């Protein structure tokens, strides 16, 4: 059994905090340790106690840094990686000037793969290991997103956006094509490894009632 011990200040939340001083909602070890067995957490706690259980373990000392669970991002847009920091305008102006322009590039699978690598590099730099993401209208963007997440063994939830109105022609699908693409992607990726698929209409003004009805049928 190959065990690695990460040593440092360890913080873990065991329940949702009920108020600012809710000390029962977390555990903290000033000199803590996390024992990893084949990259999975076996046990964590006080370093002295953990190290006594694994005499031959490799110890990686991160002191005085804090070790805590990965962050969860509940809303991000994969195709907007390249427009972060764009000049602020009203939402619809911002979409038309920056975002929709960038999203049209995701028709190219190679572009999708390149941006996916950049996105996951950025997420991991900031300690984010789980996310819910909107991909572009292109199935290739979902393929690249989940493939890169699989390569890094990350927990991700994502889906192809569905848009059949009020968007550039190059970014519009149809109710039938969005259904077909989504069904294919669900069958390929949902439940594979640590991936989950999300049926993802962009927002109400970009999907007709027919498209929303077909999206609903994918949930059955």
N, C-alpha and C. Protein backbone atom coordinates (compact mmCIF):
# COMPACT_ATOMS: atom_id res chain seq x y z
N UNK A 1 0.85 -1.20 0.00
CA UNK A 1 0.00 0.00 0.00
C UNK A 1 0.88 1.24 0.00
N UNK A 2 0.82 2.02 -1.09
CA UNK A 2 1.61 3.24 -1.21
C UNK A 2 0.84 4.40 -0.59
N UNK A 3 1.31 4.88 0.55
CA UNK A 3 0.62 5.95 1.28
C UNK A 3 1.48 7.21 1.27
N UNK A 4 0.84 8.33 0.99
CA UNK A 4 1.49 9.63 1.06
C UNK A 4 0.77 10.47 2.11
N UNK A 5 1.53 11.14 2.94
CA UNK A 5 0.95 12.00 3.97
C UNK A 5 1.22 13.46 3.62
N UNK A 6 0.16 14.25 3.55
CA UNK A 6 0.29 15.69 3.39
C UNK A 6 0.20 16.34 4.76
N UNK A 7 1.23 17.06 5.14
CA UNK A 7 1.27 17.68 6.47
C UNK A 7 1.07 19.18 6.36
N UNK A 8 0.26 19.73 7.24
CA UNK A 8 0.01 21.16 7.24
C UNK A 8 -1.12 21.50 8.19
N UNK A 9 -1.61 22.72 8.11
CA UNK A 9 -2.78 23.12 8.89
C UNK A 9 -4.01 22.62 8.14
N UNK A 10 -4.78 21.74 8.74
CA UNK A 10 -5.88 21.06 8.06
C UNK A 10 -7.22 21.60 8.55
N UNK A 11 -8.06 22.00 7.61
CA UNK A 11 -9.40 22.50 7.91
C UNK A 11 -10.41 21.73 7.09
N UNK A 12 -11.48 21.26 7.73
CA UNK A 12 -12.54 20.57 6.99
C UNK A 12 -13.89 20.91 7.62
N UNK A 13 -14.86 21.24 6.77
CA UNK A 13 -16.21 21.50 7.25
C UNK A 13 -17.00 20.20 7.26
N UNK A 14 -17.64 19.91 8.37
CA UNK A 14 -18.39 18.66 8.52
C UNK A 14 -19.90 18.89 8.45
N UNK A 15 -20.32 20.14 8.49
CA UNK A 15 -21.74 20.48 8.34
C UNK A 15 -21.84 21.94 7.93
N UNK A 16 -23.02 22.35 7.50
CA UNK A 16 -23.22 23.74 7.11
C UNK A 16 -23.22 24.64 8.34
N UNK A 17 -22.37 25.69 8.37
CA UNK A 17 -22.37 26.59 9.53
C UNK A 17 -23.73 27.26 9.71
N UNK A 18 -24.19 27.28 10.94
CA UNK A 18 -25.48 27.89 11.26
C UNK A 18 -25.35 29.36 11.61
N UNK A 19 -24.17 29.76 12.05
CA UNK A 19 -23.91 31.15 12.41
C UNK A 19 -22.39 31.35 12.39
N UNK A 20 -21.94 32.58 12.50
CA UNK A 20 -20.53 32.90 12.30
C UNK A 20 -19.60 32.17 13.26
N UNK A 21 -20.04 31.94 14.49
CA UNK A 21 -19.19 31.31 15.51
C UNK A 21 -19.52 29.83 15.69
N UNK A 22 -20.10 29.20 14.69
CA UNK A 22 -20.51 27.79 14.81
C UNK A 22 -19.28 26.87 14.69
N UNK A 23 -18.60 26.66 15.81
CA UNK A 23 -17.37 25.87 15.80
C UNK A 23 -17.64 24.38 15.61
N UNK A 24 -18.87 23.94 15.82
CA UNK A 24 -19.18 22.52 15.63
C UNK A 24 -19.28 22.15 14.14
N UNK A 25 -19.30 23.15 13.27
CA UNK A 25 -19.47 22.88 11.85
C UNK A 25 -18.15 22.51 11.15
N UNK A 26 -17.04 22.62 11.85
CA UNK A 26 -15.76 22.32 11.21
C UNK A 26 -14.79 21.66 12.20
N UNK A 27 -13.76 21.05 11.64
CA UNK A 27 -12.65 20.54 12.45
C UNK A 27 -11.37 21.17 11.94
N UNK A 28 -10.45 21.45 12.84
CA UNK A 28 -9.21 22.12 12.48
C UNK A 28 -8.06 21.51 13.27
N UNK A 29 -6.97 21.24 12.57
CA UNK A 29 -5.76 20.71 13.19
C UNK A 29 -4.59 21.63 12.85
N UNK A 30 -4.02 22.26 13.85
CA UNK A 30 -2.91 23.18 13.62
C UNK A 30 -1.72 22.45 12.99
N UNK A 31 -1.42 21.26 13.51
CA UNK A 31 -0.41 20.39 12.89
C UNK A 31 -1.14 19.14 12.42
N UNK A 32 -1.74 19.24 11.24
CA UNK A 32 -2.60 18.17 10.76
C UNK A 32 -1.96 17.36 9.65
N UNK A 33 -2.71 16.34 9.22
CA UNK A 33 -2.21 15.47 8.16
C UNK A 33 -3.38 14.83 7.43
N UNK A 34 -3.14 14.59 6.15
CA UNK A 34 -4.08 13.83 5.33
C UNK A 34 -3.31 12.67 4.72
N UNK A 35 -3.76 11.45 4.97
CA UNK A 35 -3.11 10.27 4.41
C UNK A 35 -3.82 9.87 3.12
N UNK A 36 -3.05 9.78 2.04
CA UNK A 36 -3.58 9.42 0.73
C UNK A 36 -3.12 8.01 0.37
N UNK A 37 -4.08 7.20 -0.01
CA UNK A 37 -3.79 5.85 -0.49
C UNK A 37 -4.18 5.78 -1.96
N UNK A 38 -3.18 5.71 -2.85
CA UNK A 38 -3.44 5.73 -4.29
C UNK A 38 -4.28 6.94 -4.68
N UNK A 39 -3.91 8.11 -4.13
CA UNK A 39 -4.53 9.41 -4.43
C UNK A 39 -5.93 9.58 -3.85
N UNK A 40 -6.40 8.63 -3.05
CA UNK A 40 -7.68 8.78 -2.36
C UNK A 40 -7.42 9.01 -0.88
N UNK A 41 -8.23 9.88 -0.26
CA UNK A 41 -8.06 10.17 1.16
C UNK A 41 -8.45 8.94 1.98
N UNK A 42 -7.50 8.44 2.76
CA UNK A 42 -7.76 7.30 3.64
C UNK A 42 -8.21 7.77 5.02
N UNK A 43 -7.53 8.79 5.53
CA UNK A 43 -7.85 9.29 6.87
C UNK A 43 -7.18 10.66 7.02
N UNK A 44 -7.72 11.48 7.91
CA UNK A 44 -7.07 12.76 8.20
C UNK A 44 -7.23 13.05 9.68
N UNK A 45 -6.40 13.95 10.19
CA UNK A 45 -6.48 14.30 11.60
C UNK A 45 -5.19 14.93 12.06
N UNK A 46 -4.85 14.73 13.33
CA UNK A 46 -3.63 15.25 13.90
C UNK A 46 -2.41 14.53 13.31
N UNK A 47 -1.38 15.27 12.97
CA UNK A 47 -0.22 14.67 12.30
C UNK A 47 0.41 13.56 13.13
N UNK A 48 0.56 13.78 14.41
CA UNK A 48 1.20 12.78 15.27
C UNK A 48 0.45 11.45 15.22
N UNK A 49 -0.87 11.52 15.27
CA UNK A 49 -1.68 10.29 15.23
C UNK A 49 -1.65 9.63 13.86
N UNK A 50 -1.73 10.44 12.80
CA UNK A 50 -1.75 9.88 11.45
C UNK A 50 -0.41 9.26 11.10
N UNK A 51 0.67 9.96 11.40
CA UNK A 51 1.99 9.44 11.05
C UNK A 51 2.31 8.15 11.77
N UNK A 52 1.76 7.97 12.98
CA UNK A 52 1.99 6.73 13.73
C UNK A 52 1.34 5.52 13.07
N UNK A 53 0.32 5.77 12.25
CA UNK A 53 -0.38 4.67 11.59
C UNK A 53 0.33 4.20 10.33
N UNK A 54 1.21 5.05 9.78
CA UNK A 54 1.86 4.74 8.50
C UNK A 54 3.34 5.05 8.60
N UNK A 55 4.10 4.12 9.13
CA UNK A 55 5.52 4.34 9.39
C UNK A 55 6.32 4.61 8.13
N UNK A 56 5.97 3.95 7.03
CA UNK A 56 6.78 4.04 5.82
C UNK A 56 6.23 5.04 4.79
N UNK A 57 5.28 5.84 5.19
CA UNK A 57 4.66 6.77 4.25
C UNK A 57 5.60 7.91 3.88
N UNK A 58 5.48 8.38 2.64
CA UNK A 58 6.17 9.58 2.23
C UNK A 58 5.43 10.78 2.80
N UNK A 59 6.15 11.69 3.43
CA UNK A 59 5.53 12.88 4.02
C UNK A 59 5.90 14.10 3.19
N UNK A 60 4.88 14.82 2.72
CA UNK A 60 5.07 16.07 1.99
C UNK A 60 4.64 17.20 2.93
N UNK A 61 5.58 18.02 3.32
CA UNK A 61 5.35 19.03 4.35
C UNK A 61 4.93 20.35 3.72
N UNK A 62 3.68 20.74 3.93
CA UNK A 62 3.17 22.00 3.39
C UNK A 62 3.11 23.10 4.45
N UNK A 63 3.57 22.84 5.65
CA UNK A 63 3.53 23.87 6.69
C UNK A 63 4.26 25.14 6.25
N UNK A 64 3.75 26.31 6.58
CA UNK A 64 2.59 26.63 7.41
C UNK A 64 1.30 26.81 6.61
N UNK A 65 1.24 26.27 5.42
CA UNK A 65 0.08 26.48 4.56
C UNK A 65 -1.13 25.69 5.04
N UNK A 66 -2.29 26.16 4.60
CA UNK A 66 -3.57 25.57 4.99
C UNK A 66 -4.00 24.54 3.94
N UNK A 67 -4.40 23.36 4.39
CA UNK A 67 -4.92 22.32 3.50
C UNK A 67 -6.41 22.19 3.78
N UNK A 68 -7.22 22.30 2.74
CA UNK A 68 -8.67 22.22 2.90
C UNK A 68 -9.27 21.62 1.65
N UNK A 69 -10.55 21.20 1.71
CA UNK A 69 -11.18 20.60 0.53
C UNK A 69 -11.22 21.57 -0.64
N UNK A 70 -11.25 21.00 -1.86
CA UNK A 70 -11.32 21.82 -3.05
C UNK A 70 -12.59 22.65 -3.09
N UNK A 71 -12.50 23.83 -3.71
CA UNK A 71 -13.65 24.70 -3.84
C UNK A 71 -14.60 24.18 -4.92
N UNK A 72 -15.85 24.59 -4.84
CA UNK A 72 -16.88 24.23 -5.81
C UNK A 72 -17.41 25.50 -6.45
N UNK A 73 -17.31 25.59 -7.77
CA UNK A 73 -17.84 26.73 -8.52
C UNK A 73 -19.19 26.30 -9.10
N UNK A 74 -20.26 26.96 -8.69
CA UNK A 74 -21.61 26.53 -9.08
C UNK A 74 -22.10 27.17 -10.37
N UNK A 75 -21.29 28.04 -11.00
CA UNK A 75 -21.76 28.70 -12.23
C UNK A 75 -20.56 29.28 -12.98
N UNK A 76 -20.17 28.62 -14.06
CA UNK A 76 -19.14 29.20 -14.92
C UNK A 76 -19.45 28.89 -16.37
N UNK A 77 -18.90 29.71 -17.26
CA UNK A 77 -19.09 29.55 -18.71
C UNK A 77 -17.74 29.20 -19.33
N UNK A 78 -17.60 27.97 -19.77
CA UNK A 78 -16.38 27.52 -20.41
C UNK A 78 -15.94 28.43 -21.56
N UNK A 79 -16.83 28.82 -22.49
CA UNK A 79 -16.39 29.63 -23.64
C UNK A 79 -16.01 31.06 -23.29
N UNK A 80 -16.27 31.50 -22.07
CA UNK A 80 -15.94 32.87 -21.69
C UNK A 80 -14.55 33.00 -21.09
N UNK A 81 -13.79 31.92 -21.13
CA UNK A 81 -12.42 31.95 -20.61
C UNK A 81 -11.61 33.08 -21.23
N UNK A 82 -11.84 33.34 -22.52
CA UNK A 82 -11.05 34.32 -23.24
C UNK A 82 -11.60 35.74 -23.16
N UNK A 83 -12.71 35.95 -22.47
CA UNK A 83 -13.25 37.31 -22.36
C UNK A 83 -13.31 37.78 -20.91
N UNK A 84 -12.62 37.08 -20.04
CA UNK A 84 -12.55 37.51 -18.64
C UNK A 84 -11.93 38.90 -18.58
N UNK A 85 -12.58 39.81 -17.88
CA UNK A 85 -12.06 41.16 -17.75
C UNK A 85 -12.44 42.09 -18.89
N UNK A 86 -13.31 41.63 -19.79
CA UNK A 86 -13.75 42.52 -20.87
C UNK A 86 -14.49 43.72 -20.29
N UNK A 87 -14.41 44.84 -21.01
CA UNK A 87 -15.01 46.08 -20.52
C UNK A 87 -16.49 45.89 -20.22
N UNK A 88 -16.91 46.35 -19.05
CA UNK A 88 -18.28 46.15 -18.62
C UNK A 88 -19.29 46.97 -19.42
N UNK A 89 -20.34 46.30 -19.86
CA UNK A 89 -21.47 46.95 -20.52
C UNK A 89 -22.73 46.28 -20.03
N UNK A 90 -23.87 46.68 -20.54
CA UNK A 90 -25.10 45.97 -20.22
C UNK A 90 -25.02 44.56 -20.78
N UNK A 91 -25.76 43.65 -20.16
CA UNK A 91 -25.62 42.23 -20.46
C UNK A 91 -25.73 41.92 -21.95
N UNK A 92 -26.80 42.38 -22.60
CA UNK A 92 -27.00 42.03 -24.00
C UNK A 92 -25.92 42.63 -24.89
N UNK A 93 -25.47 43.84 -24.58
CA UNK A 93 -24.37 44.44 -25.34
C UNK A 93 -23.08 43.65 -25.13
N UNK A 94 -22.85 43.22 -23.92
CA UNK A 94 -21.64 42.44 -23.60
C UNK A 94 -21.66 41.11 -24.33
N UNK A 95 -22.82 40.46 -24.38
CA UNK A 95 -22.93 39.20 -25.10
C UNK A 95 -22.61 39.39 -26.59
N UNK A 96 -23.20 40.40 -27.18
CA UNK A 96 -23.02 40.60 -28.62
C UNK A 96 -21.62 41.07 -28.99
N UNK A 97 -21.01 41.87 -28.14
CA UNK A 97 -19.69 42.44 -28.46
C UNK A 97 -18.55 41.49 -28.15
N UNK A 98 -18.68 40.73 -27.07
CA UNK A 98 -17.57 39.90 -26.62
C UNK A 98 -17.88 38.40 -26.66
N UNK A 99 -18.91 38.01 -25.92
CA UNK A 99 -19.11 36.59 -25.66
C UNK A 99 -19.52 35.81 -26.90
N UNK A 100 -20.54 36.26 -27.60
CA UNK A 100 -20.98 35.52 -28.78
C UNK A 100 -19.89 35.46 -29.85
N UNK A 101 -19.07 36.50 -29.93
CA UNK A 101 -17.95 36.49 -30.88
C UNK A 101 -16.97 35.38 -30.53
N UNK A 102 -16.64 35.29 -29.27
CA UNK A 102 -15.69 34.27 -28.82
C UNK A 102 -16.27 32.87 -28.95
N UNK A 103 -17.55 32.72 -28.64
CA UNK A 103 -18.16 31.39 -28.65
C UNK A 103 -18.18 30.77 -30.05
N UNK A 104 -18.23 31.59 -31.07
CA UNK A 104 -18.27 31.05 -32.43
C UNK A 104 -16.99 30.28 -32.77
N UNK A 105 -15.90 30.57 -32.07
CA UNK A 105 -14.64 29.87 -32.32
C UNK A 105 -14.69 28.42 -31.85
N UNK A 106 -15.68 28.09 -31.02
CA UNK A 106 -15.74 26.75 -30.44
C UNK A 106 -16.31 25.72 -31.41
N UNK A 107 -16.57 26.12 -32.63
CA UNK A 107 -16.90 25.16 -33.68
C UNK A 107 -15.68 24.31 -34.03
N UNK A 108 -14.49 24.81 -33.70
CA UNK A 108 -13.23 24.13 -33.98
C UNK A 108 -12.83 23.26 -32.78
N UNK A 109 -12.81 21.94 -32.91
CA UNK A 109 -12.45 21.06 -31.79
C UNK A 109 -11.07 21.37 -31.21
N UNK A 110 -10.11 21.76 -32.03
CA UNK A 110 -8.77 22.07 -31.53
C UNK A 110 -8.79 23.30 -30.62
N UNK A 111 -9.60 24.28 -31.00
CA UNK A 111 -9.76 25.46 -30.15
C UNK A 111 -10.38 25.05 -28.82
N UNK A 112 -11.39 24.21 -28.86
CA UNK A 112 -12.03 23.73 -27.63
C UNK A 112 -11.02 23.05 -26.72
N UNK A 113 -10.19 22.22 -27.28
CA UNK A 113 -9.20 21.49 -26.49
C UNK A 113 -8.20 22.45 -25.85
N UNK A 114 -7.77 23.45 -26.61
CA UNK A 114 -6.79 24.40 -26.09
C UNK A 114 -7.37 25.22 -24.94
N UNK A 115 -8.60 25.69 -25.10
CA UNK A 115 -9.21 26.50 -24.05
C UNK A 115 -9.55 25.64 -22.84
N UNK A 116 -9.92 24.38 -23.06
CA UNK A 116 -10.21 23.49 -21.93
C UNK A 116 -8.99 23.34 -21.04
N UNK A 117 -7.84 23.18 -21.64
CA UNK A 117 -6.61 23.06 -20.84
C UNK A 117 -6.36 24.34 -20.05
N UNK A 118 -6.56 25.49 -20.68
CA UNK A 118 -6.37 26.76 -19.98
C UNK A 118 -7.36 26.92 -18.83
N UNK A 119 -8.62 26.53 -19.08
CA UNK A 119 -9.64 26.65 -18.06
C UNK A 119 -9.30 25.81 -16.83
N UNK A 120 -8.95 24.55 -17.05
CA UNK A 120 -8.68 23.68 -15.91
C UNK A 120 -7.38 24.05 -15.21
N UNK A 121 -6.41 24.58 -15.94
CA UNK A 121 -5.23 25.12 -15.28
C UNK A 121 -5.62 26.24 -14.32
N UNK A 122 -6.50 27.14 -14.79
CA UNK A 122 -6.93 28.28 -13.97
C UNK A 122 -7.74 27.81 -12.77
N UNK A 123 -8.65 26.86 -12.98
CA UNK A 123 -9.44 26.36 -11.85
C UNK A 123 -8.56 25.78 -10.77
N UNK A 124 -7.61 24.94 -11.16
CA UNK A 124 -6.75 24.28 -10.17
C UNK A 124 -5.82 25.27 -9.49
N UNK A 125 -5.38 26.30 -10.20
CA UNK A 125 -4.55 27.32 -9.55
C UNK A 125 -5.27 27.98 -8.39
N UNK A 126 -6.60 28.05 -8.50
CA UNK A 126 -7.39 28.70 -7.46
C UNK A 126 -8.06 27.69 -6.52
N UNK A 127 -7.69 26.43 -6.62
CA UNK A 127 -8.18 25.43 -5.68
C UNK A 127 -9.57 24.92 -5.98
N UNK A 128 -10.07 25.13 -7.19
CA UNK A 128 -11.41 24.66 -7.56
C UNK A 128 -11.31 23.28 -8.20
N UNK A 129 -11.98 22.31 -7.61
CA UNK A 129 -11.89 20.93 -8.10
C UNK A 129 -13.23 20.38 -8.58
N UNK A 130 -14.30 21.14 -8.38
CA UNK A 130 -15.63 20.75 -8.85
C UNK A 130 -16.32 21.99 -9.39
N UNK A 131 -17.05 21.83 -10.50
CA UNK A 131 -17.74 22.99 -11.07
C UNK A 131 -18.95 22.55 -11.87
N UNK A 132 -19.91 23.47 -11.98
CA UNK A 132 -21.02 23.34 -12.92
C UNK A 132 -20.76 24.34 -14.03
N UNK A 133 -20.70 23.86 -15.28
CA UNK A 133 -20.28 24.71 -16.38
C UNK A 133 -21.24 24.68 -17.55
N UNK A 134 -21.43 25.85 -18.15
CA UNK A 134 -22.07 25.97 -19.44
C UNK A 134 -20.99 25.82 -20.50
N UNK A 135 -21.16 24.93 -21.45
CA UNK A 135 -20.27 24.86 -22.61
C UNK A 135 -20.88 25.72 -23.71
N UNK A 136 -20.39 25.61 -24.92
CA UNK A 136 -20.97 26.39 -26.01
C UNK A 136 -22.09 25.57 -26.66
N UNK A 137 -22.66 26.08 -27.73
CA UNK A 137 -23.73 25.37 -28.43
C UNK A 137 -23.19 24.17 -29.20
N UNK A 138 -21.88 24.09 -29.33
CA UNK A 138 -21.25 23.03 -30.11
C UNK A 138 -20.98 21.79 -29.26
N UNK A 139 -21.32 20.63 -29.78
CA UNK A 139 -21.04 19.38 -29.06
C UNK A 139 -19.55 19.22 -28.82
N UNK A 140 -18.74 19.75 -29.71
CA UNK A 140 -17.28 19.62 -29.56
C UNK A 140 -16.78 20.29 -28.29
N UNK A 141 -17.46 21.33 -27.84
CA UNK A 141 -17.02 22.00 -26.61
C UNK A 141 -17.24 21.11 -25.40
N UNK A 142 -18.34 20.37 -25.40
CA UNK A 142 -18.62 19.45 -24.30
C UNK A 142 -17.62 18.30 -24.30
N UNK A 143 -17.33 17.79 -25.49
CA UNK A 143 -16.36 16.71 -25.61
C UNK A 143 -15.01 17.14 -25.03
N UNK A 144 -14.56 18.33 -25.38
CA UNK A 144 -13.27 18.81 -24.89
C UNK A 144 -13.30 19.04 -23.39
N UNK A 145 -14.41 19.60 -22.91
CA UNK A 145 -14.53 19.90 -21.48
C UNK A 145 -14.46 18.62 -20.65
N UNK A 146 -15.28 17.64 -20.97
CA UNK A 146 -15.30 16.41 -20.18
C UNK A 146 -14.03 15.59 -20.38
N UNK A 147 -13.45 15.62 -21.57
CA UNK A 147 -12.21 14.87 -21.80
C UNK A 147 -11.09 15.41 -20.92
N UNK A 148 -10.97 16.74 -20.85
CA UNK A 148 -9.92 17.33 -20.02
C UNK A 148 -10.19 17.09 -18.54
N UNK A 149 -11.46 17.16 -18.13
CA UNK A 149 -11.79 16.86 -16.73
C UNK A 149 -11.45 15.41 -16.39
N UNK A 150 -11.72 14.51 -17.33
CA UNK A 150 -11.40 13.09 -17.11
C UNK A 150 -9.89 12.90 -16.99
N UNK A 151 -9.12 13.58 -17.82
CA UNK A 151 -7.66 13.47 -17.74
C UNK A 151 -7.13 13.89 -16.38
N UNK A 152 -7.83 14.82 -15.74
CA UNK A 152 -7.37 15.35 -14.45
C UNK A 152 -8.13 14.75 -13.27
N UNK A 153 -9.04 13.83 -13.56
CA UNK A 153 -9.83 13.14 -12.53
C UNK A 153 -10.59 14.13 -11.65
N UNK A 154 -11.26 15.10 -12.29
CA UNK A 154 -12.02 16.11 -11.56
C UNK A 154 -13.52 15.84 -11.68
N UNK A 155 -14.25 16.25 -10.67
CA UNK A 155 -15.70 16.13 -10.64
C UNK A 155 -16.31 17.33 -11.33
N UNK A 156 -17.00 17.10 -12.47
CA UNK A 156 -17.55 18.21 -13.24
C UNK A 156 -18.97 17.89 -13.71
N UNK A 157 -19.78 18.94 -13.76
CA UNK A 157 -21.14 18.87 -14.27
C UNK A 157 -21.24 19.92 -15.38
N UNK A 158 -21.67 19.51 -16.57
CA UNK A 158 -21.67 20.46 -17.69
C UNK A 158 -22.67 20.01 -18.75
N UNK A 159 -22.93 20.92 -19.68
CA UNK A 159 -23.83 20.58 -20.78
C UNK A 159 -23.69 21.55 -21.94
N UNK A 160 -24.12 21.12 -23.09
CA UNK A 160 -24.17 21.95 -24.30
C UNK A 160 -25.30 22.96 -24.15
N UNK A 161 -25.01 24.24 -24.34
CA UNK A 161 -26.11 25.20 -24.27
C UNK A 161 -27.03 25.02 -25.47
N UNK A 162 -28.30 25.33 -25.26
CA UNK A 162 -29.34 25.18 -26.28
C UNK A 162 -29.86 26.57 -26.61
N UNK A 163 -29.72 26.99 -27.87
CA UNK A 163 -30.16 28.33 -28.29
C UNK A 163 -30.70 28.25 -29.70
N UNK A 164 -31.97 28.54 -29.88
CA UNK A 164 -32.53 28.53 -31.23
C UNK A 164 -33.18 29.85 -31.62
N UNK A 165 -32.86 30.92 -30.87
CA UNK A 165 -33.35 32.26 -31.25
C UNK A 165 -32.54 33.32 -30.51
N UNK A 166 -32.63 34.56 -31.02
CA UNK A 166 -32.02 35.73 -30.37
C UNK A 166 -30.52 35.55 -30.12
N UNK A 167 -29.83 34.95 -31.09
CA UNK A 167 -28.38 34.78 -31.03
C UNK A 167 -27.86 34.76 -32.46
N UNK A 168 -26.56 34.99 -32.66
CA UNK A 168 -26.02 34.92 -34.03
C UNK A 168 -26.34 33.58 -34.68
N UNK A 169 -26.53 33.61 -35.98
CA UNK A 169 -26.91 32.40 -36.71
C UNK A 169 -25.91 31.27 -36.48
N UNK A 170 -24.63 31.61 -36.38
CA UNK A 170 -23.60 30.58 -36.19
C UNK A 170 -23.69 29.91 -34.82
N UNK A 171 -24.45 30.51 -33.90
CA UNK A 171 -24.59 29.93 -32.57
C UNK A 171 -25.99 29.37 -32.32
N UNK A 172 -26.82 29.36 -33.32
CA UNK A 172 -28.18 28.84 -33.14
C UNK A 172 -28.26 27.39 -33.59
N UNK A 173 -28.86 26.57 -32.73
CA UNK A 173 -29.19 25.21 -33.13
C UNK A 173 -30.69 25.17 -33.45
N UNK A 174 -31.27 24.01 -33.46
CA UNK A 174 -32.71 23.87 -33.62
C UNK A 174 -33.21 23.00 -32.47
N UNK A 175 -34.51 22.99 -32.22
CA UNK A 175 -35.01 22.09 -31.17
C UNK A 175 -34.56 20.64 -31.40
N UNK A 176 -34.60 20.19 -32.65
CA UNK A 176 -34.25 18.79 -32.92
C UNK A 176 -32.74 18.56 -32.80
N UNK A 177 -31.93 19.46 -33.35
CA UNK A 177 -30.48 19.24 -33.27
C UNK A 177 -29.97 19.36 -31.84
N UNK A 178 -30.55 20.27 -31.06
CA UNK A 178 -30.12 20.39 -29.67
C UNK A 178 -30.52 19.15 -28.88
N UNK A 179 -31.68 18.59 -29.21
CA UNK A 179 -32.10 17.34 -28.57
C UNK A 179 -31.16 16.21 -28.95
N UNK A 180 -30.88 16.08 -30.24
CA UNK A 180 -30.04 14.97 -30.70
C UNK A 180 -28.63 15.07 -30.13
N UNK A 181 -28.04 16.27 -30.18
CA UNK A 181 -26.69 16.44 -29.64
C UNK A 181 -26.65 16.15 -28.14
N UNK A 182 -27.62 16.69 -27.43
CA UNK A 182 -27.65 16.50 -25.98
C UNK A 182 -27.84 15.03 -25.62
N UNK A 183 -28.72 14.34 -26.34
CA UNK A 183 -28.96 12.92 -26.07
C UNK A 183 -27.68 12.11 -26.29
N UNK A 184 -26.97 12.41 -27.37
CA UNK A 184 -25.71 11.72 -27.65
C UNK A 184 -24.70 11.96 -26.54
N UNK A 185 -24.59 13.22 -26.11
CA UNK A 185 -23.61 13.56 -25.08
C UNK A 185 -23.98 12.96 -23.73
N UNK A 186 -25.27 12.90 -23.42
CA UNK A 186 -25.72 12.27 -22.18
C UNK A 186 -25.31 10.80 -22.18
N UNK A 187 -25.56 10.13 -23.28
CA UNK A 187 -25.24 8.70 -23.36
C UNK A 187 -23.74 8.45 -23.24
N UNK A 188 -22.95 9.37 -23.74
CA UNK A 188 -21.50 9.19 -23.71
C UNK A 188 -20.88 9.57 -22.38
N UNK A 189 -21.37 10.66 -21.76
CA UNK A 189 -20.65 11.22 -20.62
C UNK A 189 -21.36 11.12 -19.28
N UNK A 190 -22.68 11.09 -19.24
CA UNK A 190 -23.35 11.15 -17.94
C UNK A 190 -23.05 9.89 -17.13
N UNK A 191 -22.49 10.08 -15.96
CA UNK A 191 -22.15 8.96 -15.10
C UNK A 191 -20.84 8.28 -15.44
N UNK A 192 -20.12 8.79 -16.43
CA UNK A 192 -18.82 8.23 -16.76
C UNK A 192 -17.77 8.82 -15.83
N UNK A 193 -17.12 7.97 -15.06
CA UNK A 193 -16.14 8.48 -14.11
C UNK A 193 -16.79 9.45 -13.13
N UNK A 194 -16.29 10.67 -13.10
CA UNK A 194 -16.79 11.68 -12.17
C UNK A 194 -17.60 12.76 -12.90
N UNK A 195 -18.06 12.44 -14.10
CA UNK A 195 -18.80 13.42 -14.91
C UNK A 195 -20.31 13.25 -14.77
N UNK A 196 -21.01 14.36 -14.77
CA UNK A 196 -22.47 14.37 -14.85
C UNK A 196 -22.88 15.37 -15.92
N UNK A 197 -23.90 15.00 -16.68
CA UNK A 197 -24.38 15.88 -17.75
C UNK A 197 -25.57 16.69 -17.26
N UNK A 198 -25.60 17.98 -17.64
CA UNK A 198 -26.71 18.86 -17.30
C UNK A 198 -27.39 19.32 -18.58
N UNK A 199 -28.70 19.13 -18.66
CA UNK A 199 -29.47 19.68 -19.79
C UNK A 199 -29.50 21.19 -19.62
N UNK A 200 -29.05 21.92 -20.66
CA UNK A 200 -28.66 23.31 -20.44
C UNK A 200 -29.21 24.30 -21.47
N UNK A 201 -30.48 24.67 -21.41
CA UNK A 201 -30.92 25.83 -22.18
C UNK A 201 -30.13 27.07 -21.72
N UNK A 202 -29.75 27.95 -22.65
CA UNK A 202 -28.91 29.11 -22.29
C UNK A 202 -29.66 30.01 -21.32
N UNK A 203 -30.75 30.58 -21.75
CA UNK A 203 -31.73 31.25 -20.88
C UNK A 203 -32.99 31.46 -21.69
N UNK A 204 -34.05 31.91 -21.06
CA UNK A 204 -35.38 31.87 -21.67
C UNK A 204 -35.44 32.59 -23.02
N UNK A 205 -34.77 33.73 -23.14
CA UNK A 205 -34.92 34.51 -24.38
C UNK A 205 -34.19 33.88 -25.56
N UNK A 206 -33.34 32.87 -25.32
CA UNK A 206 -32.64 32.24 -26.44
C UNK A 206 -33.18 30.85 -26.77
N UNK A 207 -34.27 30.45 -26.12
CA UNK A 207 -34.87 29.14 -26.44
C UNK A 207 -36.37 29.31 -26.67
N UNK A 208 -36.85 28.77 -27.77
CA UNK A 208 -38.29 28.79 -28.04
C UNK A 208 -39.00 27.79 -27.12
N UNK A 209 -40.31 27.94 -26.95
CA UNK A 209 -41.06 26.96 -26.16
C UNK A 209 -40.86 25.53 -26.67
N UNK A 210 -40.76 25.37 -27.97
CA UNK A 210 -40.55 24.02 -28.51
C UNK A 210 -39.22 23.44 -28.04
N UNK A 211 -38.18 24.26 -28.07
CA UNK A 211 -36.89 23.77 -27.61
C UNK A 211 -36.92 23.43 -26.12
N UNK A 212 -37.58 24.26 -25.33
CA UNK A 212 -37.67 23.99 -23.90
C UNK A 212 -38.45 22.70 -23.63
N UNK A 213 -39.48 22.45 -24.41
CA UNK A 213 -40.24 21.20 -24.25
C UNK A 213 -39.37 19.99 -24.58
N UNK A 214 -38.55 20.11 -25.61
CA UNK A 214 -37.67 18.99 -25.97
C UNK A 214 -36.56 18.83 -24.94
N UNK A 215 -36.11 19.93 -24.35
CA UNK A 215 -35.14 19.84 -23.27
C UNK A 215 -35.74 19.11 -22.08
N UNK A 216 -36.99 19.42 -21.80
CA UNK A 216 -37.68 18.75 -20.68
C UNK A 216 -37.77 17.25 -20.91
N UNK A 217 -37.99 16.85 -22.16
CA UNK A 217 -38.13 15.42 -22.45
C UNK A 217 -36.83 14.66 -22.21
N UNK A 218 -35.70 15.36 -22.29
CA UNK A 218 -34.42 14.72 -22.02
C UNK A 218 -34.26 14.35 -20.54
N UNK A 219 -35.05 14.98 -19.70
CA UNK A 219 -34.95 14.73 -18.26
C UNK A 219 -35.75 13.50 -17.84
N UNK A 220 -36.55 12.96 -18.74
CA UNK A 220 -37.42 11.83 -18.39
C UNK A 220 -36.64 10.51 -18.42
